[in-house]
PDB file of N, CA and C in Angstrom:
ATOM      1  N   MET A   1      -7.809  51.652-177.652  1.00  0.00           N
ATOM      2  CA  MET A   1      -7.384  52.699-176.150  1.00  0.00           C
ATOM      3  C   MET A   1      -8.197  53.647-175.808  1.00  0.00           C
ATOM      4  N   LYS A   2      -9.314  53.956-176.384  1.00  0.00           N
ATOM      5  CA  LYS A   2     -10.497  54.645-175.574  1.00  0.00           C
ATOM      6  C   LYS A   2     -10.922  54.353-174.249  1.00  0.00           C
ATOM      7  N   PHE A   3     -11.203  52.696-174.617  1.00  0.00           N
ATOM      8  CA  PHE A   3     -12.087  51.762-173.762  1.00  0.00           C
ATOM      9  C   PHE A   3     -11.108  52.092-172.736  1.00  0.00           C
ATOM     10  N   TRP A   4      -9.468  52.060-172.541  1.00  0.00           N
ATOM     11  CA  TRP A   4      -8.705  51.531-171.274  1.00  0.00           C
ATOM     12  C   TRP A   4      -8.991  52.907-170.735  1.00  0.00           C
ATOM     13  N   THR A   5      -8.998  54.133-171.859  1.00  0.00           N
ATOM     14  CA  THR A   5      -8.584  55.364-171.259  1.00  0.00           C
ATOM     15  C   THR A   5     -10.404  55.809-169.997  1.00  0.00           C
ATOM     16  N   ALA A   6     -11.184  55.382-170.746  1.00  0.00           N
ATOM     17  CA  ALA A   6     -12.366  55.961-170.114  1.00  0.00           C
ATOM     18  C   ALA A   6     -12.722  55.115-168.723  1.00  0.00           C
ATOM     19  N   LEU A   7     -12.005  53.443-168.948  1.00  0.00           N
ATOM     20  CA  LEU A   7     -11.793  52.888-167.280  1.00  0.00           C
ATOM     21  C   LEU A   7     -11.223  53.453-166.919  1.00  0.00           C
ATOM     22  N   LEU A   8      -9.938  53.818-166.803  1.00  0.00           N
ATOM     23  CA  LEU A   8      -9.223  54.542-166.148  1.00  0.00           C
ATOM     24  C   LEU A   8      -9.661  55.813-165.403  1.00  0.00           C
ATOM     25  N   VAL A   9     -10.127  56.243-166.376  1.00  0.00           N
ATOM     26  CA  VAL A   9     -10.700  57.911-166.088  1.00  0.00           C
ATOM     27  C   VAL A   9     -12.123  57.749-165.048  1.00  0.00           C
ATOM     28  N   THR A  10     -12.516  56.669-165.412  1.00  0.00           N
ATOM     29  CA  THR A  10     -13.727  56.267-164.413  1.00  0.00           C
ATOM     30  C   THR A  10     -13.297  56.282-162.768  1.00  0.00           C
ATOM     31  N   ALA A  11     -12.028  55.089-162.819  1.00  0.00           N
ATOM     32  CA  ALA A  11     -11.357  54.607-161.623  1.00  0.00           C
ATOM     33  C   ALA A  11     -11.444  55.549-161.034  1.00  0.00           C
ATOM     34  N   LEU A  12     -10.424  56.423-161.633  1.00  0.00           N
ATOM     35  CA  LEU A  12     -10.054  57.530-160.712  1.00  0.00           C
ATOM     36  C   LEU A  12     -10.779  58.465-160.206  1.00  0.00           C
ATOM     37  N   VAL A  13     -11.945  58.717-160.936  1.00  0.00           N
ATOM     38  CA  VAL A  13     -13.317  59.412-160.477  1.00  0.00           C
ATOM     39  C   VAL A  13     -13.694  59.088-159.211  1.00  0.00           C
ATOM     40  N   ALA A  14     -14.280  57.542-159.593  1.00  0.00           N
ATOM     41  CA  ALA A  14     -14.653  57.104-158.258  1.00  0.00           C
ATOM     42  C   ALA A  14     -14.084  57.157-157.467  1.00  0.00           C
ATOM     43  N   GLY A  15     -12.615  56.967-157.253  1.00  0.00           N
ATOM     44  CA  GLY A  15     -11.704  56.818-156.015  1.00  0.00           C
ATOM     45  C   GLY A  15     -11.597  57.868-155.575  1.00  0.00           C
ATOM     46  N   CYS A  16     -12.034  59.256-156.140  1.00  0.00           N
ATOM     47  CA  CYS A  16     -11.990  60.539-155.526  1.00  0.00           C
ATOM     48  C   CYS A  16     -13.367  60.584-154.425  1.00  0.00           C
ATOM     49  N   GLY A  17     -12.677  61.157-153.166  1.00  0.00           N
ATOM     50  CA  GLY A  17     -13.476  61.385-152.198  1.00  0.00           C
ATOM     51  C   GLY A  17     -14.063  62.759-152.369  1.00  0.00           C
ATOM     52  N   GLY A  18     -15.163  63.435-151.917  1.00  0.00           N
ATOM     53  CA  GLY A  18     -15.730  64.337-151.576  1.00  0.00           C
ATOM     54  C   GLY A  18     -14.917  64.745-150.146  1.00  0.00           C
ATOM     55  N   SER A  19     -14.753  66.457-150.892  1.00  0.00           N
ATOM     56  CA  SER A  19     -14.518  67.259-149.375  1.00  0.00           C
ATOM     57  C   SER A  19     -15.046  68.433-148.980  1.00  0.00           C
ATOM     58  N   ASN A  20     -16.369  68.192-149.098  1.00  0.00           N
ATOM     59  CA  ASN A  20     -17.283  69.268-148.667  1.00  0.00           C
ATOM     60  C   ASN A  20     -17.684  69.271-147.166  1.00  0.00           C
ATOM     61  N   ARG A  21     -16.726  70.029-146.632  1.00  0.00           N
ATOM     62  CA  ARG A  21     -17.008  70.120-144.694  1.00  0.00           C
ATOM     63  C   ARG A  21     -17.283  68.802-144.539  1.00  0.00           C
ATOM     64  N   PHE A  22     -16.873  67.695-145.092  1.00  0.00           N
ATOM     65  CA  PHE A  22     -17.253  66.062-144.008  1.00  0.00           C
ATOM     66  C   PHE A  22     -15.615  65.766-143.327  1.00  0.00           C
ATOM     67  N   ASP A  23     -16.109  64.959-142.174  1.00  0.00           N
ATOM     68  CA  ASP A  23     -14.948  64.589-141.216  1.00  0.00           C
ATOM     69  C   ASP A  23     -14.790  63.143-141.217  1.00  0.00           C
ATOM     70  N   ARG A  24     -14.249  62.438-141.105  1.00  0.00           N
ATOM     71  CA  ARG A  24     -14.282  61.176-140.677  1.00  0.00           C
ATOM     72  C   ARG A  24     -13.524  60.966-139.205  1.00  0.00           C
ATOM     73  N   GLY A  25     -14.831  60.989-138.119  1.00  0.00           N
ATOM     74  CA  GLY A  25     -14.345  60.147-137.117  1.00  0.00           C
ATOM     75  C   GLY A  25     -12.960  59.006-136.391  1.00  0.00           C
ATOM     76  N   ASP A  26     -13.576  58.386-135.287  1.00  0.00           N
ATOM     77  CA  ASP A  26     -12.741  57.108-135.248  1.00  0.00           C
ATOM     78  C   ASP A  26     -13.116  56.315-135.951  1.00  0.00           C
ATOM     79  N   THR A  27     -14.725  56.396-136.061  1.00  0.00           N
ATOM     80  CA  THR A  27     -15.806  54.908-135.902  1.00  0.00           C
ATOM     81  C   THR A  27     -15.665  54.682-137.047  1.00  0.00           C
ATOM     82  N   GLY A  28     -15.141  56.019-138.353  1.00  0.00           N
ATOM     83  CA  GLY A  28     -15.246  55.497-140.021  1.00  0.00           C
ATOM     84  C   GLY A  28     -16.585  56.073-139.997  1.00  0.00           C
ATOM     85  N   ILE A  29     -17.264  57.086-139.609  1.00  0.00           N
ATOM     86  CA  ILE A  29     -18.534  57.694-139.735  1.00  0.00           C
ATOM     87  C   ILE A  29     -18.378  58.742-140.651  1.00  0.00           C
ATOM     88  N   VAL A  30     -19.105  59.246-141.539  1.00  0.00           N
ATOM     89  CA  VAL A  30     -18.475  60.311-142.154  1.00  0.00           C
ATOM     90  C   VAL A  30     -19.529  61.399-142.035  1.00  0.00           C
ATOM     91  N   THR A  31     -19.242  62.442-141.452  1.00  0.00           N
ATOM     92  CA  THR A  31     -20.254  63.701-140.281  1.00  0.00           C
ATOM     93  C   THR A  31     -20.342  64.590-140.758  1.00  0.00           C
ATOM     94  N   ARG A  32     -21.200  65.196-141.511  1.00  0.00           N
ATOM     95  CA  ARG A  32     -21.022  66.771-142.160  1.00  0.00           C
ATOM     96  C   ARG A  32     -21.520  67.532-141.307  1.00  0.00           C
ATOM     97  N   PHE A  33     -21.053  68.843-140.500  1.00  0.00           N
ATOM     98  CA  PHE A  33     -21.570  69.630-140.140  1.00  0.00           C
ATOM     99  C   PHE A  33     -22.159  70.165-140.470  1.00  0.00           C
ATOM    100  N   SER A  34     -23.393  70.715-139.590  1.00  0.00           N
ATOM    101  CA  SER A  34     -24.685  71.742-140.034  1.00  0.00           C
ATOM    102  C   SER A  34     -24.672  73.060-138.987  1.00  0.00           C
ATOM    103  N   THR A  35     -25.669  73.836-139.421  1.00  0.00           N
ATOM    104  CA  THR A  35     -25.817  74.638-138.550  1.00  0.00           C
ATOM    105  C   THR A  35     -27.504  74.623-138.416  1.00  0.00           C
ATOM    106  N   GLY A  36     -28.277  75.067-137.732  1.00  0.00           N
ATOM    107  CA  GLY A  36     -29.308  75.429-137.224  1.00  0.00           C
ATOM    108  C   GLY A  36     -29.543  75.793-135.655  1.00  0.00           C
ATOM    109  N   PRO A  37     -30.803  75.623-135.167  1.00  0.00           N
ATOM    110  CA  PRO A  37     -31.038  75.818-133.810  1.00  0.00           C
ATOM    111  C   PRO A  37     -29.949  75.011-132.644  1.00  0.00           C
ATOM    112  N   ILE A  38     -30.300  73.589-133.083  1.00  0.00           N
ATOM    113  CA  ILE A  38     -29.535  72.831-132.539  1.00  0.00           C
ATOM    114  C   ILE A  38     -27.934  73.423-131.871  1.00  0.00           C
ATOM    115  N   SER A  39     -27.514  73.554-133.145  1.00  0.00           N
ATOM    116  CA  SER A  39     -25.848  73.796-133.201  1.00  0.00           C
ATOM    117  C   SER A  39     -25.756  75.520-132.921  1.00  0.00           C
ATOM    118  N   ARG A  40     -26.533  76.815-133.086  1.00  0.00           N
ATOM    119  CA  ARG A  40     -26.601  78.294-132.503  1.00  0.00           C
ATOM    120  C   ARG A  40     -26.662  77.819-130.944  1.00  0.00           C
ATOM    121  N   ALA A  41     -28.070  77.001-130.734  1.00  0.00           N
ATOM    122  CA  ALA A  41     -27.983  76.753-128.971  1.00  0.00           C
ATOM    123  C   ALA A  41     -26.610  76.126-128.262  1.00  0.00           C
ATOM    124  N   CYS A  42     -26.141  75.292-128.950  1.00  0.00           N
ATOM    125  CA  CYS A  42     -24.948  74.613-128.494  1.00  0.00           C
ATOM    126  C   CYS A  42     -23.861  75.314-127.980  1.00  0.00           C
ATOM    127  N   LEU A  43     -23.539  76.471-129.045  1.00  0.00           N
ATOM    128  CA  LEU A  43     -22.307  77.596-129.444  1.00  0.00           C
ATOM    129  C   LEU A  43     -22.803  78.589-127.831  1.00  0.00           C
ATOM    130  N   SER A  44     -24.268  78.682-128.084  1.00  0.00           N
ATOM    131  CA  SER A  44     -24.472  79.856-127.060  1.00  0.00           C
ATOM    132  C   SER A  44     -24.457  79.389-125.732  1.00  0.00           C
ATOM    133  N   SER A  45     -24.299  78.154-125.194  1.00  0.00           N
ATOM    134  CA  SER A  45     -24.205  77.794-124.192  1.00  0.00           C
ATOM    135  C   SER A  45     -22.952  77.738-123.194  1.00  0.00           C
ATOM    136  N   ASP A  46     -23.090  77.812-121.865  1.00  0.00           N
ATOM    137  CA  ASP A  46     -21.859  78.180-121.288  1.00  0.00           C
ATOM    138  C   ASP A  46     -21.468  76.480-121.108  1.00  0.00           C
ATOM    139  N   ARG A  47     -21.321  75.503-121.740  1.00  0.00           N
ATOM    140  CA  ARG A  47     -20.853  74.090-121.424  1.00  0.00           C
ATOM    141  C   ARG A  47     -19.414  73.913-121.903  1.00  0.00           C
ATOM    142  N   ARG A  48     -18.349  73.406-121.183  1.00  0.00           N
ATOM    143  CA  ARG A  48     -16.601  73.868-121.562  1.00  0.00           C
ATOM    144  C   ARG A  48     -16.242  73.024-122.349  1.00  0.00           C
ATOM    145  N   ALA A  49     -17.137  71.998-122.862  1.00  0.00           N
ATOM    146  CA  ALA A  49     -17.055  71.282-123.968  1.00  0.00           C
ATOM    147  C   ALA A  49     -17.290  72.109-125.148  1.00  0.00           C
ATOM    148  N   ARG A  50     -17.787  72.390-125.872  1.00  0.00           N
ATOM    149  CA  ARG A  50     -18.745  73.531-126.719  1.00  0.00           C
ATOM    150  C   ARG A  50     -17.781  73.985-127.391  1.00  0.00           C
ATOM    151  N   ASN A  51     -17.263  73.493-128.599  1.00  0.00           N
ATOM    152  CA  ASN A  51     -16.930  74.205-129.807  1.00  0.00           C
ATOM    153  C   ASN A  51     -17.688  73.971-131.357  1.00  0.00           C
ATOM    154  N   PRO A  52     -17.766  74.269-132.246  1.00  0.00           N
ATOM    155  CA  PRO A  52     -18.102  74.332-134.046  1.00  0.00           C
ATOM    156  C   PRO A  52     -18.398  72.943-134.588  1.00  0.00           C
ATOM    157  N   GLN A  53     -17.246  71.970-134.306  1.00  0.00           N
ATOM    158  CA  GLN A  53     -17.196  70.960-134.665  1.00  0.00           C
ATOM    159  C   GLN A  53     -18.285  69.360-133.749  1.00  0.00           C
ATOM    160  N   LEU A  54     -18.484  69.731-132.403  1.00  0.00           N
ATOM    161  CA  LEU A  54     -19.297  69.408-131.419  1.00  0.00           C
ATOM    162  C   LEU A  54     -20.780  69.866-132.108  1.00  0.00           C
ATOM    163  N   CYS A  55     -20.581  70.789-131.631  1.00  0.00           N
ATOM    164  CA  CYS A  55     -21.866  71.623-131.795  1.00  0.00           C
ATOM    165  C   CYS A  55     -22.883  71.159-133.665  1.00  0.00           C
ATOM    166  N   GLY A  56     -22.064  71.330-134.403  1.00  0.00           N
ATOM    167  CA  GLY A  56     -22.434  70.711-135.701  1.00  0.00           C
ATOM    168  C   GLY A  56     -22.357  69.117-136.572  1.00  0.00           C
ATOM    169  N   CYS A  57     -21.694  68.539-135.241  1.00  0.00           N
ATOM    170  CA  CYS A  57     -22.036  67.401-135.609  1.00  0.00           C
ATOM    171  C   CYS A  57     -23.374  66.958-135.101  1.00  0.00           C
ATOM    172  N   ILE A  58     -23.822  67.362-133.665  1.00  0.00           N
ATOM    173  CA  ILE A  58     -24.833  66.961-132.879  1.00  0.00           C
ATOM    174  C   ILE A  58     -26.186  67.982-134.018  1.00  0.00           C
ATOM    175  N   GLN A  59     -25.997  68.583-134.409  1.00  0.00           N
ATOM    176  CA  GLN A  59     -27.180  69.670-135.582  1.00  0.00           C
ATOM    177  C   GLN A  59     -26.962  68.442-136.427  1.00  0.00           C
ATOM    178  N   THR A  60     -26.340  67.799-136.716  1.00  0.00           N
ATOM    179  CA  THR A  60     -26.388  66.841-138.257  1.00  0.00           C
ATOM    180  C   THR A  60     -27.181  66.018-137.644  1.00  0.00           C
ATOM    181  N   VAL A  61     -26.594  65.238-136.752  1.00  0.00           N
ATOM    182  CA  VAL A  61     -27.836  63.867-136.302  1.00  0.00           C
ATOM    183  C   VAL A  61     -29.012  64.648-136.269  1.00  0.00           C
ATOM    184  N   ALA A  62     -29.091  66.032-135.381  1.00  0.00           N
ATOM    185  CA  ALA A  62     -30.543  66.491-135.186  1.00  0.00           C
ATOM    186  C   ALA A  62     -31.568  66.415-136.491  1.00  0.00           C
ATOM    187  N   ASN A  63     -31.096  66.870-137.189  1.00  0.00           N
ATOM    188  CA  ASN A  63     -31.413  66.952-138.793  1.00  0.00           C
ATOM    189  C   ASN A  63     -31.739  65.326-138.896  1.00  0.00           C
ATOM    190  N   GLN A  64     -31.003  64.431-138.988  1.00  0.00           N
ATOM    191  CA  GLN A  64     -31.476  62.912-139.147  1.00  0.00           C
ATOM    192  C   GLN A  64     -32.784  62.555-138.726  1.00  0.00           C
ATOM    193  N   SER A  65     -32.953  62.796-137.089  1.00  0.00           N
ATOM    194  CA  SER A  65     -33.515  62.271-135.694  1.00  0.00           C
ATOM    195  C   SER A  65     -35.090  62.901-135.835  1.00  0.00           C
ATOM    196  N   LEU A  66     -34.937  64.511-135.750  1.00  0.00           N
ATOM    197  CA  LEU A  66     -35.966  64.921-135.244  1.00  0.00           C
ATOM    198  C   LEU A  66     -36.297  66.277-136.399  1.00  0.00           C
ATOM    199  N   SER A  67     -37.767  66.720-136.355  1.00  0.00           N
ATOM    200  CA  SER A  67     -38.575  67.734-136.987  1.00  0.00           C
ATOM    201  C   SER A  67     -37.849  68.962-136.822  1.00  0.00           C
ATOM    202  N   GLY A  68     -38.166  69.985-137.493  1.00  0.00           N
ATOM    203  CA  GLY A  68     -37.747  71.131-137.031  1.00  0.00           C
ATOM    204  C   GLY A  68     -38.415  72.020-136.125  1.00  0.00           C
ATOM    205  N   SER A  69     -39.000  71.514-135.468  1.00  0.00           N
ATOM    206  CA  SER A  69     -40.033  72.214-134.634  1.00  0.00           C
ATOM    207  C   SER A  69     -39.740  71.376-133.274  1.00  0.00           C
ATOM    208  N   ASP A  70     -39.191  69.753-133.578  1.00  0.00           N
ATOM    209  CA  ASP A  70     -38.561  69.031-132.290  1.00  0.00           C
ATOM    210  C   ASP A  70     -37.454  69.744-131.851  1.00  0.00           C
ATOM    211  N   GLN A  71     -36.487  70.268-132.789  1.00  0.00           N
ATOM    212  CA  GLN A  71     -35.272  70.955-132.423  1.00  0.00           C
ATOM    213  C   GLN A  71     -35.763  71.720-131.999  1.00  0.00           C
ATOM    214  N   ARG A  72     -36.079  73.093-132.838  1.00  0.00           N
ATOM    215  CA  ARG A  72     -36.691  74.634-131.978  1.00  0.00           C
ATOM    216  C   ARG A  72     -36.733  73.905-130.242  1.00  0.00           C
ATOM    217  N   ARG A  73     -37.422  73.171-130.068  1.00  0.00           N
ATOM    218  CA  ARG A  73     -38.084  72.868-128.731  1.00  0.00           C
ATOM    219  C   ARG A  73     -37.072  71.980-127.770  1.00  0.00           C
ATOM    220  N   ALA A  74     -35.756  71.019-128.471  1.00  0.00           N
ATOM    221  CA  ALA A  74     -34.576  70.615-127.718  1.00  0.00           C
ATOM    222  C   ALA A  74     -33.640  71.910-127.987  1.00  0.00           C
ATOM    223  N   ALA A  75     -33.608  72.305-128.541  1.00  0.00           N
ATOM    224  CA  ALA A  75     -32.536  73.732-128.431  1.00  0.00           C
ATOM    225  C   ALA A  75     -32.826  74.675-126.906  1.00  0.00           C
ATOM    226  N   ARG A  76     -33.877  74.456-126.892  1.00  0.00           N
ATOM    227  CA  ARG A  76     -34.649  75.477-125.534  1.00  0.00           C
ATOM    228  C   ARG A  76     -33.967  74.877-124.258  1.00  0.00           C
ATOM    229  N   PHE A  77     -33.651  73.255-124.534  1.00  0.00           N
ATOM    230  CA  PHE A  77     -33.114  72.735-123.334  1.00  0.00           C
ATOM    231  C   PHE A  77     -31.640  73.616-122.902  1.00  0.00           C
ATOM    232  N   PHE A  78     -30.988  74.023-123.628  1.00  0.00           N
ATOM    233  CA  PHE A  78     -29.367  74.543-123.860  1.00  0.00           C
ATOM    234  C   PHE A  78     -29.874  75.720-122.692  1.00  0.00           C
ATOM    235  N   SER A  79     -30.294  76.628-122.866  1.00  0.00           N
ATOM    236  CA  SER A  79     -30.474  77.611-122.193  1.00  0.00           C
ATOM    237  C   SER A  79     -31.335  77.607-121.026  1.00  0.00           C
ATOM    238  N   ASP A  80     -32.335  76.289-121.065  1.00  0.00           N
ATOM    239  CA  ASP A  80     -33.549  76.201-119.821  1.00  0.00           C
ATOM    240  C   ASP A  80     -33.310  74.940-119.278  1.00  0.00           C
ATOM    241  N   PRO A  81     -32.371  74.285-118.923  1.00  0.00           N
ATOM    242  CA  PRO A  81     -32.481  72.688-118.313  1.00  0.00           C
ATOM    243  C   PRO A  81     -33.867  72.054-117.514  1.00  0.00           C
ATOM    244  N   GLN A  82     -34.338  73.407-117.214  1.00  0.00           N
ATOM    245  CA  GLN A  82     -35.896  73.417-116.339  1.00  0.00           C
ATOM    246  C   GLN A  82     -36.721  72.850-117.158  1.00  0.00           C
ATOM    247  N   ARG A  83     -36.888  73.212-118.484  1.00  0.00           N
ATOM    248  CA  ARG A  83     -37.280  72.891-119.387  1.00  0.00           C
ATOM    249  C   ARG A  83     -37.568  71.166-119.793  1.00  0.00           C
ATOM    250  N   ALA A  84     -36.308  70.932-119.978  1.00  0.00           N
ATOM    251  CA  ALA A  84     -36.282  69.523-120.359  1.00  0.00           C
ATOM    252  C   ALA A  84     -36.301  68.756-119.131  1.00  0.00           C
ATOM    253  N   HIS A  85     -36.587  68.843-117.991  1.00  0.00           N
ATOM    254  CA  HIS A  85     -37.023  68.177-116.499  1.00  0.00           C
ATOM    255  C   HIS A  85     -38.333  68.279-116.883  1.00  0.00           C
ATOM    256  N   ASP A  86     -39.194  69.784-116.701  1.00  0.00           N
ATOM    257  CA  ASP A  86     -40.573  69.402-116.716  1.00  0.00           C
ATOM    258  C   ASP A  86     -40.999  68.622-118.052  1.00  0.00           C
ATOM    259  N   THR A  87     -40.310  68.553-119.271  1.00  0.00           N
ATOM    260  CA  THR A  87     -40.951  67.881-120.480  1.00  0.00           C
ATOM    261  C   THR A  87     -41.016  66.550-120.114  1.00  0.00           C
ATOM    262  N   TRP A  88     -39.480  66.051-119.115  1.00  0.00           N
ATOM    263  CA  TRP A  88     -39.459  64.341-118.790  1.00  0.00           C
ATOM    264  C   TRP A  88     -40.487  64.122-118.518  1.00  0.00           C
ATOM    265  N   MET A  89     -40.798  65.294-117.073  1.00  0.00           N
ATOM    266  CA  MET A  89     -41.742  64.538-116.057  1.00  0.00           C
ATOM    267  C   MET A  89     -43.217  64.318-116.428  1.00  0.00           C
ATOM    268  N   SER A  90     -43.357  65.091-117.848  1.00  0.00           N
ATOM    269  CA  SER A  90     -44.744  65.210-117.997  1.00  0.00           C
ATOM    270  C   SER A  90     -45.374  64.300-118.266  1.00  0.00           C
ATOM    271  N   GLN A  91     -46.573  64.191-118.296  1.00  0.00           N
ATOM    272  CA  GLN A  91     -47.686  63.095-118.222  1.00  0.00           C
ATOM    273  C   GLN A  91     -48.419  63.150-119.674  1.00  0.00           C
ATOM    274  N   THR A  92     -48.298  64.107-120.401  1.00  0.00           N
ATOM    275  CA  THR A  92     -49.273  64.247-121.784  1.00  0.00           C
ATOM    276  C   THR A  92     -48.361  63.185-122.560  1.00  0.00           C
ATOM    277  N   PRO A  93     -49.340  62.761-123.182  1.00  0.00           N
ATOM    278  CA  PRO A  93     -48.989  61.631-124.643  1.00  0.00           C
ATOM    279  C   PRO A  93     -48.066  62.685-125.873  1.00  0.00           C
ATOM    280  N   SER A  94     -48.206  63.632-125.785  1.00  0.00           N
ATOM    281  CA  SER A  94     -47.150  64.561-126.806  1.00  0.00           C
ATOM    282  C   SER A  94     -45.928  64.716-126.178  1.00  0.00           C
ATOM    283  N   ASP A  95     -46.137  65.021-124.885  1.00  0.00           N
ATOM    284  CA  ASP A  95     -44.478  65.467-124.165  1.00  0.00           C
ATOM    285  C   ASP A  95     -44.044  64.049-123.900  1.00  0.00           C
ATOM    286  N   ASP A  96     -44.398  63.032-123.685  1.00  0.00           N
ATOM    287  CA  ASP A  96     -43.699  61.622-123.939  1.00  0.00           C
ATOM    288  C   ASP A  96     -43.759  61.047-125.378  1.00  0.00           C
ATOM    289  N   ALA A  97     -44.158  60.979-126.135  1.00  0.00           N
ATOM    290  CA  ALA A  97     -43.924  61.200-127.500  1.00  0.00           C
ATOM    291  C   ALA A  97     -42.647  61.482-128.253  1.00  0.00           C
ATOM    292  N   PHE A  98     -42.518  63.445-127.733  1.00  0.00           N
ATOM    293  CA  PHE A  98     -41.606  64.083-127.722  1.00  0.00           C
ATOM    294  C   PHE A  98     -39.968  63.477-127.060  1.00  0.00           C
ATOM    295  N   TRP A  99     -40.533  63.157-125.795  1.00  0.00           N
ATOM    296  CA  TRP A  99     -39.418  62.940-125.127  1.00  0.00           C
ATOM    297  C   TRP A  99     -38.807  61.469-125.576  1.00  0.00           C
ATOM    298  N   GLU A 100     -39.253  60.460-126.139  1.00  0.00           N
ATOM    299  CA  GLU A 100     -38.954  59.303-126.776  1.00  0.00           C
ATOM    300  C   GLU A 100     -37.810  59.749-128.039  1.00  0.00           C
ATOM    301  N   ARG A 101     -38.401  60.607-128.864  1.00  0.00           N
ATOM    302  CA  ARG A 101     -37.279  61.067-129.927  1.00  0.00           C
ATOM    303  C   ARG A 101     -36.210  61.893-129.627  1.00  0.00           C
ATOM    304  N   TYR A 102     -36.625  62.482-128.499  1.00  0.00           N
ATOM    305  CA  TYR A 102     -35.667  63.410-127.850  1.00  0.00           C
ATOM    306  C   TYR A 102     -34.570  62.158-127.635  1.00  0.00           C
ATOM    307  N   LYS A 103     -34.754  61.299-127.002  1.00  0.00           N
ATOM    308  CA  LYS A 103     -33.695  60.463-125.972  1.00  0.00           C
ATOM    309  C   LYS A 103     -32.763  59.448-126.953  1.00  0.00           C
ATOM    310  N   SER A 104     -34.016  58.944-128.495  1.00  0.00           N
ATOM    311  CA  SER A 104     -33.343  58.298-129.168  1.00  0.00           C
ATOM    312  C   SER A 104     -32.185  59.189-129.894  1.00  0.00           C
ATOM    313  N   PHE A 105     -32.398  60.671-130.252  1.00  0.00           N
ATOM    314  CA  PHE A 105     -31.455  61.428-130.860  1.00  0.00           C
ATOM    315  C   PHE A 105     -30.270  62.182-129.954  1.00  0.00           C
ATOM    316  N   ALA A 106     -30.881  62.150-129.069  1.00  0.00           N
ATOM    317  CA  ALA A 106     -29.456  61.895-128.027  1.00  0.00           C
ATOM    318  C   ALA A 106     -28.410  61.222-128.111  1.00  0.00           C
ATOM    319  N   ALA A 107     -29.075  59.905-127.695  1.00  0.00           N
ATOM    320  CA  ALA A 107     -27.942  58.520-127.813  1.00  0.00           C
ATOM    321  C   ALA A 107     -27.547  58.662-129.165  1.00  0.00           C
ATOM    322  N   ARG A 108     -28.036  58.681-130.004  1.00  0.00           N
ATOM    323  CA  ARG A 108     -27.503  58.680-131.489  1.00  0.00           C
ATOM    324  C   ARG A 108     -26.542  59.850-131.047  1.00  0.00           C
ATOM    325  N   SER A 109     -26.217  61.223-131.017  1.00  0.00           N
ATOM    326  CA  SER A 109     -25.212  61.966-131.168  1.00  0.00           C
ATOM    327  C   SER A 109     -24.211  61.747-130.316  1.00  0.00           C
ATOM    328  N   GLU A 110     -24.579  61.280-128.859  1.00  0.00           N
ATOM    329  CA  GLU A 110     -23.434  61.013-127.808  1.00  0.00           C
ATOM    330  C   GLU A 110     -22.506  60.019-128.992  1.00  0.00           C
ATOM    331  N   GLN A 111     -23.392  59.103-129.411  1.00  0.00           N
ATOM    332  CA  GLN A 111     -22.381  58.111-130.246  1.00  0.00           C
ATOM    333  C   GLN A 111     -21.751  58.553-131.511  1.00  0.00           C
ATOM    334  N   SER A 112     -22.682  59.236-132.075  1.00  0.00           N
ATOM    335  CA  SER A 112     -22.130  59.646-133.384  1.00  0.00           C
ATOM    336  C   SER A 112     -20.472  61.076-133.225  1.00  0.00           C
ATOM    337  N   CYS A 113     -20.775  61.837-132.003  1.00  0.00           N
ATOM    338  CA  CYS A 113     -19.981  63.108-132.314  1.00  0.00           C
ATOM    339  C   CYS A 113     -18.915  62.581-130.625  1.00  0.00           C
ATOM    340  N   ARG A 114     -18.824  61.240-130.467  1.00  0.00           N
ATOM    341  CA  ARG A 114     -18.152  61.403-129.597  1.00  0.00           C
ATOM    342  C   ARG A 114     -16.235  61.743-130.190  1.00  0.00           C
ATOM    343  N   GLY A 115     -15.619  62.545-129.465  1.00  0.00           N
ATOM    344  CA  GLY A 115     -14.478  62.812-130.183  1.00  0.00           C
ATOM    345  C   GLY A 115     -14.420  64.060-129.933  1.00  0.00           C
ATOM    346  N   TYR A 116     -15.503  64.763-130.442  1.00  0.00           N
ATOM    347  CA  TYR A 116     -15.473  66.311-130.845  1.00  0.00           C
ATOM    348  C   TYR A 116     -14.908  67.107-129.665  1.00  0.00           C
TER     349      TYR A 116
END
């Protein structure tokens, strides 16, 4: 009897999903909404599509894709798009490396955060 009770409890606990600020989008991907420099810049931008869920999703992808210094650098693009253009046009190896990381982050954000 103890065995069956333990098995039932284990099955029930395993079937319980967490609800710690998680959301499942249409893709079935679980996304945790985060805060950080990208999220704050996104929320303070003048873009019409901004909302806490979208900005938090983008921050989550940034946490997975960019270092802290890369995040702070990318956050400046929200208020100064010219800075993004200047970085893209730059010929320095460090700017080129950052831009490749940023492009990858942007593509992942677009895919992961669609629908917010």
